[in-house]
């Protein structure tokens, strides 16, 4: 892991055209801006964790069986 000290207005450039700019700092948080090509996905880590958890839950066969038994196939 690379650890850097930056001040508001300072930027970090990452290969692939990604630029991270420190917008503001206070004792509780840091505001950053991220400039990246549209093809680069940028997600907060808690969103990635929630997606992984939901995918795991969906893959659980017990949950799938429960869903199928509680949601019968609609009749035409």
C-alpha atoms as a PDB file:
ATOM      1  CA  UNK A   1       0.000   0.000   0.000  1.00  0.00           C
ATOM      2  CA  UNK A   2       1.270   3.440  -0.922  1.00  0.00           C
ATOM      3  CA  UNK A   3       0.643   6.049   1.772  1.00  0.00           C
ATOM      4  CA  UNK A   4       0.884   9.709   0.823  1.00  0.00           C
ATOM      5  CA  UNK A   5       0.278  13.039   2.516  1.00  0.00           C
ATOM      6  CA  UNK A   6      -1.699  15.453   0.352  1.00  0.00           C
ATOM      7  CA  UNK A   7      -3.241  18.875   0.893  1.00  0.00           C
ATOM      8  CA  UNK A   8      -6.505  20.199  -0.562  1.00  0.00           C
ATOM      9  CA  UNK A   9      -5.983  20.823  -4.259  1.00  0.00           C
ATOM     10  CA  UNK A  10      -3.202  18.218  -4.550  1.00  0.00           C
ATOM     11  CA  UNK A  11      -3.759  15.332  -6.940  1.00  0.00           C
ATOM     12  CA  UNK A  12      -2.568  11.777  -7.490  1.00  0.00           C
ATOM     13  CA  UNK A  13      -2.389  10.315 -10.987  1.00  0.00           C
ATOM     14  CA  UNK A  14      -2.895   6.571 -11.496  1.00  0.00           C
ATOM     15  CA  UNK A  15      -2.107   4.678 -14.663  1.00  0.00           C
ATOM     16  CA  UNK A  16      -5.065   4.455 -17.012  1.00  0.00           C
ATOM     17  CA  UNK A  17      -6.048   8.107 -16.853  1.00  0.00           C
ATOM     18  CA  UNK A  18      -7.312   8.108 -13.264  1.00  0.00           C
ATOM     19  CA  UNK A  19      -6.823  11.311 -11.286  1.00  0.00           C
ATOM     20  CA  UNK A  20      -7.673  11.609  -7.583  1.00  0.00           C
ATOM     21  CA  UNK A  21      -7.896  15.108  -6.135  1.00  0.00           C
ATOM     22  CA  UNK A  22      -8.108  16.040  -2.457  1.00  0.00           C
ATOM     23  CA  UNK A  23     -10.968  18.556  -2.284  1.00  0.00           C
ATOM     24  CA  UNK A  24     -11.178  19.199   1.458  1.00  0.00           C
ATOM     25  CA  UNK A  25      -9.955  17.836   4.785  1.00  0.00           C
ATOM     26  CA  UNK A  26     -11.150  18.145   8.354  1.00  0.00           C
ATOM     27  CA  UNK A  27     -10.633  16.132  11.532  1.00  0.00           C
ATOM     28  CA  UNK A  28     -13.401  13.648  10.675  1.00  0.00           C
ATOM     29  CA  UNK A  29     -13.184  13.145   6.914  1.00  0.00           C
ATOM     30  CA  UNK A  30     -11.508  13.782   3.611  1.00  0.00           C
ATOM     31  CA  UNK A  31     -13.439  14.792   0.483  1.00  0.00           C
ATOM     32  CA  UNK A  32     -11.918  13.468  -2.710  1.00  0.00           C
ATOM     33  CA  UNK A  33     -12.778  13.809  -6.357  1.00  0.00           C
ATOM     34  CA  UNK A  34     -12.061  11.041  -8.846  1.00  0.00           C
ATOM     35  CA  UNK A  35     -11.673  11.623 -12.559  1.00  0.00           C
ATOM     36  CA  UNK A  36     -11.564   8.438 -14.636  1.00  0.00           C
ATOM     37  CA  UNK A  37     -12.538   7.191 -18.084  1.00  0.00           C
ATOM     38  CA  UNK A  38     -16.182   6.134 -18.382  1.00  0.00           C
ATOM     39  CA  UNK A  39     -15.026   2.531 -18.828  1.00  0.00           C
ATOM     40  CA  UNK A  40     -13.606   2.473 -15.277  1.00  0.00           C
ATOM     41  CA  UNK A  41     -16.062   1.420 -12.574  1.00  0.00           C
ATOM     42  CA  UNK A  42     -15.736   3.336  -9.297  1.00  0.00           C
ATOM     43  CA  UNK A  43     -17.591   1.873  -6.312  1.00  0.00           C
ATOM     44  CA  UNK A  44     -17.439   2.522  -2.578  1.00  0.00           C
ATOM     45  CA  UNK A  45     -16.201  -0.510  -0.647  1.00  0.00           C
ATOM     46  CA  UNK A  46     -19.451  -0.848   1.334  1.00  0.00           C
ATOM     47  CA  UNK A  47     -21.374  -1.102  -1.948  1.00  0.00           C
ATOM     48  CA  UNK A  48     -19.049  -3.849  -3.192  1.00  0.00           C
ATOM     49  CA  UNK A  49     -19.516  -5.711   0.116  1.00  0.00           C
ATOM     50  CA  UNK A  50     -23.322  -5.374  -0.098  1.00  0.00           C
ATOM     51  CA  UNK A  51     -23.334  -6.673  -3.681  1.00  0.00           C
ATOM     52  CA  UNK A  52     -21.138  -9.639  -2.718  1.00  0.00           C
ATOM     53  CA  UNK A  53     -23.411 -10.424   0.243  1.00  0.00           C
ATOM     54  CA  UNK A  54     -26.530 -10.249  -1.924  1.00  0.00           C
ATOM     55  CA  UNK A  55     -24.913 -12.466  -4.568  1.00  0.00           C
ATOM     56  CA  UNK A  56     -24.004 -15.006  -1.881  1.00  0.00           C
ATOM     57  CA  UNK A  57     -27.537 -14.930  -0.505  1.00  0.00           C
ATOM     58  CA  UNK A  58     -28.985 -15.415  -3.989  1.00  0.00           C
ATOM     59  CA  UNK A  59     -26.656 -18.362  -4.594  1.00  0.00           C
ATOM     60  CA  UNK A  60     -27.686 -20.070  -1.366  1.00  0.00           C
ATOM     61  CA  UNK A  61     -29.927 -22.970  -2.404  1.00  0.00           C
ATOM     62  CA  UNK A  62     -31.904 -22.798   0.842  1.00  0.00           C
ATOM     63  CA  UNK A  63     -32.934 -19.241   0.050  1.00  0.00           C
ATOM     64  CA  UNK A  64     -33.803 -20.222  -3.524  1.00  0.00           C
ATOM     65  CA  UNK A  65     -35.991 -23.109  -2.319  1.00  0.00           C
ATOM     66  CA  UNK A  66     -37.680 -20.824   0.200  1.00  0.00           C
ATOM     67  CA  UNK A  67     -38.372 -18.258  -2.491  1.00  0.00           C
ATOM     68  CA  UNK A  68     -39.832 -20.867  -4.830  1.00  0.00           C
ATOM     69  CA  UNK A  69     -42.105 -22.337  -2.155  1.00  0.00           C
ATOM     70  CA  UNK A  70     -43.345 -18.951  -0.948  1.00  0.00           C
ATOM     71  CA  UNK A  71     -43.763 -17.492  -4.453  1.00  0.00           C
ATOM     72  CA  UNK A  72     -45.643 -20.077  -6.544  1.00  0.00           C
ATOM     73  CA  UNK A  73     -45.546 -19.855 -10.310  1.00  0.00           C
ATOM     74  CA  UNK A  74     -48.382 -17.615 -11.551  1.00  0.00           C
ATOM     75  CA  UNK A  75     -51.131 -19.318 -13.520  1.00  0.00           C
ATOM     76  CA  UNK A  76     -51.842 -18.118 -17.059  1.00  0.00           C
END
